[in-house]
Amino acid sequence: MIPPEDQYHLGEWIASYPAEIIVCDRDGTILEMNQVASDIYAGEGGMQMIGRNVFDHHPEPARSHLMSMIQKKQHVLYTTEKAGLTKLVSIAPWYREGTYTGFTLFVLDLPANLPNLVKDS
């Protein structure tokens, strides 16, 4: 067991993680976002988006695409390109005590020359 003084708060690493992270409830209400997400959406209020619906910030067809992925309640992973940058998008459900509670969005910028390390011996 980890002594309380050595435990860390989950939010500490999320706050500084170099990717956009948004946590929503089952209806799409934004519950949390990290600083990267706040900076990306600064023009829409940044941290003031907490409490608003994430779907309101996605124009069509992105809105319908996101909604269809969320309804499946499965982890979805894909890449997308915007303004010449390739991004890795991870949308995953999260659960509290075994009950579906919402979903998370992680969006990570990928470098143009991303190394692929083969681990097979």
N, C-alpha and C. Protein backbone atom coordinates (compact mmCIF):
# COMPACT_ATOMS: atom_id res chain seq x y z
N MET A 1 0.84 -1.18 0.00
CA MET A 1 0.00 0.00 0.00
C MET A 1 0.89 1.24 0.00
N ILE A 2 0.50 2.23 -0.78
CA ILE A 2 1.28 3.47 -0.88
C ILE A 2 0.91 4.38 0.29
N PRO A 3 1.92 4.84 1.03
CA PRO A 3 1.62 5.75 2.14
C PRO A 3 0.98 7.04 1.61
N PRO A 4 0.05 7.61 2.35
CA PRO A 4 -0.66 8.82 1.88
C PRO A 4 0.28 9.95 1.45
N GLU A 5 1.40 10.13 2.14
CA GLU A 5 2.32 11.22 1.77
C GLU A 5 3.01 11.00 0.43
N ASP A 6 3.01 9.75 -0.07
CA ASP A 6 3.64 9.44 -1.36
C ASP A 6 2.63 9.36 -2.49
N GLN A 7 1.34 9.43 -2.16
CA GLN A 7 0.31 9.36 -3.20
C GLN A 7 0.27 10.68 -3.96
N TYR A 8 -0.08 10.62 -5.19
CA TYR A 8 -0.23 11.82 -5.99
C TYR A 8 -1.69 11.97 -6.37
N HIS A 9 -2.02 13.16 -6.76
CA HIS A 9 -3.38 13.41 -7.22
C HIS A 9 -3.41 13.20 -8.72
N LEU A 10 -4.39 12.46 -9.19
CA LEU A 10 -4.51 12.14 -10.61
C LEU A 10 -4.48 13.41 -11.45
N GLY A 11 -5.15 14.46 -11.01
CA GLY A 11 -5.22 15.70 -11.76
C GLY A 11 -3.88 16.37 -11.99
N GLU A 12 -2.88 16.08 -11.17
CA GLU A 12 -1.58 16.73 -11.32
C GLU A 12 -0.94 16.40 -12.66
N TRP A 13 -0.96 15.16 -13.07
CA TRP A 13 -0.31 14.81 -14.34
C TRP A 13 -1.17 15.23 -15.51
N ILE A 14 -2.49 15.18 -15.34
CA ILE A 14 -3.39 15.56 -16.43
C ILE A 14 -3.24 17.04 -16.76
N ALA A 15 -3.09 17.86 -15.74
CA ALA A 15 -2.99 19.31 -15.93
C ALA A 15 -1.83 19.69 -16.85
N SER A 16 -0.72 18.95 -16.76
CA SER A 16 0.45 19.32 -17.54
C SER A 16 0.74 18.37 -18.71
N TYR A 17 -0.12 17.39 -18.94
CA TYR A 17 0.10 16.45 -20.03
C TYR A 17 0.03 17.19 -21.37
N PRO A 18 0.97 16.95 -22.29
CA PRO A 18 1.04 17.73 -23.53
C PRO A 18 0.05 17.29 -24.62
N ALA A 19 -1.19 17.15 -24.23
CA ALA A 19 -2.27 16.80 -25.17
C ALA A 19 -3.54 17.45 -24.68
N GLU A 20 -4.48 17.63 -25.59
CA GLU A 20 -5.79 18.15 -25.23
C GLU A 20 -6.55 17.04 -24.51
N ILE A 21 -7.03 17.33 -23.31
CA ILE A 21 -7.80 16.35 -22.54
C ILE A 21 -9.08 17.02 -22.06
N ILE A 22 -10.21 16.40 -22.41
CA ILE A 22 -11.51 16.89 -21.97
C ILE A 22 -12.30 15.70 -21.43
N VAL A 23 -12.91 15.88 -20.27
CA VAL A 23 -13.72 14.84 -19.64
C VAL A 23 -15.16 15.34 -19.62
N CYS A 24 -16.07 14.50 -20.12
CA CYS A 24 -17.49 14.86 -20.20
C CYS A 24 -18.35 13.84 -19.48
N ASP A 25 -19.54 14.29 -19.08
CA ASP A 25 -20.49 13.34 -18.52
C ASP A 25 -21.21 12.63 -19.66
N ARG A 26 -22.16 11.78 -19.36
CA ARG A 26 -22.84 10.96 -20.37
C ARG A 26 -23.61 11.80 -21.39
N ASP A 27 -24.00 13.04 -21.04
CA ASP A 27 -24.75 13.90 -21.95
C ASP A 27 -23.86 14.85 -22.75
N GLY A 28 -22.56 14.83 -22.46
CA GLY A 28 -21.64 15.70 -23.18
C GLY A 28 -21.27 16.97 -22.45
N THR A 29 -21.75 17.13 -21.21
CA THR A 29 -21.38 18.31 -20.44
C THR A 29 -19.92 18.19 -20.03
N ILE A 30 -19.14 19.23 -20.28
CA ILE A 30 -17.72 19.22 -19.96
C ILE A 30 -17.55 19.34 -18.45
N LEU A 31 -16.86 18.36 -17.86
CA LEU A 31 -16.62 18.33 -16.43
C LEU A 31 -15.24 18.85 -16.08
N GLU A 32 -14.27 18.52 -16.93
CA GLU A 32 -12.88 18.91 -16.69
C GLU A 32 -12.18 19.09 -18.03
N MET A 33 -11.16 19.93 -18.01
CA MET A 33 -10.28 20.06 -19.16
C MET A 33 -8.92 20.49 -18.64
N ASN A 34 -7.87 20.09 -19.36
CA ASN A 34 -6.54 20.48 -18.92
C ASN A 34 -6.15 21.80 -19.59
N GLN A 35 -4.96 22.28 -19.26
CA GLN A 35 -4.53 23.59 -19.75
C GLN A 35 -4.38 23.61 -21.27
N VAL A 36 -3.90 22.53 -21.86
CA VAL A 36 -3.77 22.48 -23.32
C VAL A 36 -5.13 22.66 -23.98
N ALA A 37 -6.13 21.96 -23.49
CA ALA A 37 -7.49 22.11 -24.04
C ALA A 37 -8.00 23.53 -23.84
N SER A 38 -7.75 24.09 -22.68
CA SER A 38 -8.18 25.46 -22.40
C SER A 38 -7.53 26.44 -23.37
N ASP A 39 -6.25 26.24 -23.64
CA ASP A 39 -5.53 27.12 -24.58
C ASP A 39 -6.08 26.98 -26.00
N ILE A 40 -6.36 25.75 -26.41
CA ILE A 40 -6.90 25.50 -27.76
C ILE A 40 -8.24 26.20 -27.92
N TYR A 41 -9.05 26.15 -26.89
CA TYR A 41 -10.40 26.74 -26.96
C TYR A 41 -10.49 28.10 -26.27
N ALA A 42 -9.38 28.80 -26.19
CA ALA A 42 -9.36 30.12 -25.54
C ALA A 42 -10.37 31.07 -26.17
N GLY A 43 -10.52 31.03 -27.48
CA GLY A 43 -11.46 31.90 -28.17
C GLY A 43 -12.91 31.60 -27.84
N GLU A 44 -13.15 30.40 -27.28
CA GLU A 44 -14.51 30.02 -26.90
C GLU A 44 -14.70 30.07 -25.38
N GLY A 45 -13.70 30.62 -24.70
CA GLY A 45 -13.82 30.77 -23.26
C GLY A 45 -12.85 29.95 -22.44
N GLY A 46 -12.09 29.04 -23.07
CA GLY A 46 -11.13 28.24 -22.32
C GLY A 46 -11.80 27.47 -21.20
N MET A 47 -11.32 27.65 -19.98
CA MET A 47 -11.86 26.94 -18.82
C MET A 47 -13.32 27.28 -18.56
N GLN A 48 -13.80 28.39 -19.11
CA GLN A 48 -15.21 28.75 -18.95
C GLN A 48 -16.13 27.77 -19.69
N MET A 49 -15.55 26.91 -20.52
CA MET A 49 -16.34 25.89 -21.21
C MET A 49 -16.81 24.78 -20.27
N ILE A 50 -16.15 24.68 -19.11
CA ILE A 50 -16.58 23.67 -18.14
C ILE A 50 -18.02 23.99 -17.75
N GLY A 51 -18.88 22.97 -17.85
CA GLY A 51 -20.31 23.13 -17.58
C GLY A 51 -21.12 23.28 -18.86
N ARG A 52 -20.43 23.53 -19.98
CA ARG A 52 -21.12 23.62 -21.27
C ARG A 52 -21.08 22.26 -21.96
N ASN A 53 -21.86 22.12 -23.02
CA ASN A 53 -21.92 20.86 -23.75
C ASN A 53 -20.86 20.83 -24.85
N VAL A 54 -20.08 19.77 -24.89
CA VAL A 54 -19.00 19.64 -25.86
C VAL A 54 -19.54 19.60 -27.30
N PHE A 55 -20.75 19.08 -27.48
CA PHE A 55 -21.31 18.99 -28.82
C PHE A 55 -21.60 20.37 -29.42
N ASP A 56 -21.84 21.35 -28.55
CA ASP A 56 -22.09 22.71 -29.03
C ASP A 56 -20.85 23.35 -29.66
N HIS A 57 -19.70 22.76 -29.43
CA HIS A 57 -18.44 23.31 -29.93
C HIS A 57 -17.89 22.51 -31.12
N HIS A 58 -18.73 21.67 -31.69
CA HIS A 58 -18.35 20.88 -32.86
C HIS A 58 -19.35 21.15 -33.98
N PRO A 59 -18.91 21.78 -35.05
CA PRO A 59 -19.82 21.99 -36.19
C PRO A 59 -20.05 20.68 -36.92
N GLU A 60 -21.11 20.62 -37.69
CA GLU A 60 -21.36 19.44 -38.53
C GLU A 60 -20.31 19.39 -39.63
N PRO A 61 -19.88 18.24 -40.07
CA PRO A 61 -20.33 16.90 -39.67
C PRO A 61 -19.60 16.34 -38.45
N ALA A 62 -18.65 17.09 -37.89
CA ALA A 62 -17.88 16.60 -36.75
C ALA A 62 -18.79 16.28 -35.56
N ARG A 63 -19.81 17.09 -35.36
CA ARG A 63 -20.73 16.87 -34.25
C ARG A 63 -21.41 15.50 -34.34
N SER A 64 -22.00 15.20 -35.49
CA SER A 64 -22.69 13.92 -35.68
C SER A 64 -21.71 12.76 -35.59
N HIS A 65 -20.51 12.95 -36.11
CA HIS A 65 -19.48 11.90 -36.05
C HIS A 65 -19.13 11.60 -34.61
N LEU A 66 -18.90 12.65 -33.80
CA LEU A 66 -18.57 12.46 -32.40
C LEU A 66 -19.73 11.79 -31.67
N MET A 67 -20.94 12.24 -31.91
CA MET A 67 -22.10 11.66 -31.23
C MET A 67 -22.25 10.17 -31.55
N SER A 68 -22.01 9.80 -32.80
CA SER A 68 -22.15 8.38 -33.16
C SER A 68 -21.08 7.52 -32.48
N MET A 69 -19.88 8.07 -32.31
CA MET A 69 -18.82 7.32 -31.63
C MET A 69 -19.14 7.17 -30.15
N ILE A 70 -19.65 8.22 -29.53
CA ILE A 70 -19.96 8.20 -28.11
C ILE A 70 -21.06 7.20 -27.80
N GLN A 71 -22.06 7.11 -28.65
CA GLN A 71 -23.20 6.21 -28.42
C GLN A 71 -22.77 4.75 -28.34
N LYS A 72 -21.65 4.40 -28.98
CA LYS A 72 -21.18 3.02 -28.97
C LYS A 72 -20.57 2.63 -27.63
N LYS A 73 -20.18 3.61 -26.83
CA LYS A 73 -19.55 3.38 -25.53
C LYS A 73 -18.36 2.43 -25.64
N GLN A 74 -17.57 2.65 -26.69
CA GLN A 74 -16.35 1.87 -26.91
C GLN A 74 -15.20 2.83 -27.15
N HIS A 75 -14.00 2.36 -26.87
CA HIS A 75 -12.82 3.16 -27.15
C HIS A 75 -12.64 3.30 -28.66
N VAL A 76 -12.51 4.53 -29.12
CA VAL A 76 -12.32 4.81 -30.54
C VAL A 76 -10.98 5.54 -30.67
N LEU A 77 -10.17 5.09 -31.61
CA LEU A 77 -8.85 5.66 -31.82
C LEU A 77 -8.67 5.90 -33.31
N TYR A 78 -8.30 7.13 -33.68
CA TYR A 78 -8.08 7.44 -35.09
C TYR A 78 -7.16 8.64 -35.21
N THR A 79 -6.67 8.88 -36.42
CA THR A 79 -5.88 10.08 -36.69
C THR A 79 -6.70 11.02 -37.56
N THR A 80 -6.38 12.28 -37.46
CA THR A 80 -7.03 13.30 -38.27
C THR A 80 -5.98 14.33 -38.65
N GLU A 81 -6.27 15.10 -39.66
CA GLU A 81 -5.33 16.13 -40.08
C GLU A 81 -6.06 17.47 -40.11
N LYS A 82 -5.41 18.48 -39.54
CA LYS A 82 -5.97 19.82 -39.52
C LYS A 82 -4.81 20.82 -39.61
N ALA A 83 -4.91 21.74 -40.56
CA ALA A 83 -3.89 22.78 -40.75
C ALA A 83 -2.50 22.17 -40.93
N GLY A 84 -2.45 21.03 -41.62
CA GLY A 84 -1.16 20.40 -41.90
C GLY A 84 -0.59 19.58 -40.76
N LEU A 85 -1.28 19.52 -39.63
CA LEU A 85 -0.82 18.73 -38.49
C LEU A 85 -1.65 17.46 -38.36
N THR A 86 -0.97 16.35 -38.11
CA THR A 86 -1.66 15.09 -37.88
C THR A 86 -1.86 14.94 -36.38
N LYS A 87 -3.06 14.54 -36.00
CA LYS A 87 -3.40 14.39 -34.59
C LYS A 87 -3.92 12.99 -34.34
N LEU A 88 -3.58 12.44 -33.19
CA LEU A 88 -4.11 11.17 -32.73
C LEU A 88 -5.27 11.49 -31.79
N VAL A 89 -6.43 10.94 -32.08
CA VAL A 89 -7.63 11.20 -31.27
C VAL A 89 -8.04 9.91 -30.58
N SER A 90 -8.25 10.00 -29.28
CA SER A 90 -8.71 8.88 -28.48
C SER A 90 -9.98 9.32 -27.76
N ILE A 91 -11.06 8.62 -28.00
CA ILE A 91 -12.33 8.88 -27.32
C ILE A 91 -12.70 7.59 -26.59
N ALA A 92 -12.83 7.69 -25.29
CA ALA A 92 -13.08 6.47 -24.51
C ALA A 92 -14.13 6.72 -23.44
N PRO A 93 -14.95 5.70 -23.18
CA PRO A 93 -15.92 5.82 -22.09
C PRO A 93 -15.20 5.76 -20.75
N TRP A 94 -15.83 6.32 -19.74
CA TRP A 94 -15.33 6.12 -18.38
C TRP A 94 -16.48 5.72 -17.49
N TYR A 95 -16.13 4.99 -16.46
CA TYR A 95 -17.14 4.36 -15.61
C TYR A 95 -16.89 4.71 -14.15
N ARG A 96 -17.95 4.78 -13.38
CA ARG A 96 -17.86 4.95 -11.93
C ARG A 96 -18.61 3.78 -11.32
N GLU A 97 -17.87 2.96 -10.57
CA GLU A 97 -18.45 1.78 -9.92
C GLU A 97 -19.20 0.90 -10.92
N GLY A 98 -18.63 0.74 -12.11
CA GLY A 98 -19.18 -0.13 -13.13
C GLY A 98 -20.29 0.46 -13.97
N THR A 99 -20.68 1.70 -13.70
CA THR A 99 -21.76 2.35 -14.45
C THR A 99 -21.17 3.38 -15.41
N TYR A 100 -21.61 3.33 -16.68
CA TYR A 100 -21.15 4.31 -17.67
C TYR A 100 -21.47 5.70 -17.16
N THR A 101 -20.45 6.55 -17.13
CA THR A 101 -20.60 7.88 -16.55
C THR A 101 -20.34 8.98 -17.56
N GLY A 102 -19.61 8.68 -18.62
CA GLY A 102 -19.30 9.70 -19.61
C GLY A 102 -18.18 9.26 -20.52
N PHE A 103 -17.48 10.23 -21.07
CA PHE A 103 -16.41 9.92 -22.02
C PHE A 103 -15.29 10.94 -21.90
N THR A 104 -14.12 10.52 -22.37
CA THR A 104 -12.95 11.38 -22.39
C THR A 104 -12.48 11.55 -23.82
N LEU A 105 -11.92 12.72 -24.07
CA LEU A 105 -11.30 13.00 -25.37
C LEU A 105 -9.85 13.37 -25.12
N PHE A 106 -8.94 12.66 -25.77
CA PHE A 106 -7.52 12.98 -25.75
C PHE A 106 -7.14 13.26 -27.20
N VAL A 107 -6.50 14.38 -27.45
CA VAL A 107 -6.04 14.71 -28.79
C VAL A 107 -4.57 15.09 -28.68
N LEU A 108 -3.73 14.33 -29.36
CA LEU A 108 -2.28 14.50 -29.28
C LEU A 108 -1.72 14.84 -30.65
N ASP A 109 -0.95 15.92 -30.75
CA ASP A 109 -0.28 16.27 -32.01
C ASP A 109 0.82 15.25 -32.27
N LEU A 110 0.88 14.75 -33.51
CA LEU A 110 1.91 13.79 -33.89
C LEU A 110 2.96 14.49 -34.74
N PRO A 111 4.24 14.23 -34.47
CA PRO A 111 5.28 14.84 -35.30
C PRO A 111 5.27 14.25 -36.71
N ALA A 112 5.76 15.02 -37.66
CA ALA A 112 5.77 14.58 -39.06
C ALA A 112 6.57 13.29 -39.24
N ASN A 113 7.66 13.15 -38.54
CA ASN A 113 8.51 11.96 -38.66
C ASN A 113 8.45 11.15 -37.38
N LEU A 114 7.30 10.58 -37.12
CA LEU A 114 7.10 9.80 -35.90
C LEU A 114 7.83 8.48 -36.02
N PRO A 115 8.78 8.21 -35.09
CA PRO A 115 9.49 6.93 -35.13
C PRO A 115 8.54 5.77 -34.81
N ASN A 116 8.78 4.65 -35.43
CA ASN A 116 8.04 3.42 -35.14
C ASN A 116 9.05 2.41 -34.63
N LEU A 117 8.99 2.11 -33.34
CA LEU A 117 9.94 1.19 -32.74
C LEU A 117 9.33 -0.20 -32.71
N VAL A 118 9.91 -1.13 -33.45
CA VAL A 118 9.42 -2.50 -33.51
C VAL A 118 10.02 -3.26 -32.33
N LYS A 119 9.16 -3.85 -31.51
CA LYS A 119 9.61 -4.52 -30.27
C LYS A 119 9.72 -6.03 -30.41
N ASP A 120 9.40 -6.57 -31.61
CA ASP A 120 9.54 -8.01 -31.81
C ASP A 120 11.01 -8.40 -31.76
N SER A 121 11.30 -9.56 -31.13
CA SER A 121 12.71 -10.01 -31.07
C SER A 121 13.05 -10.89 -32.23
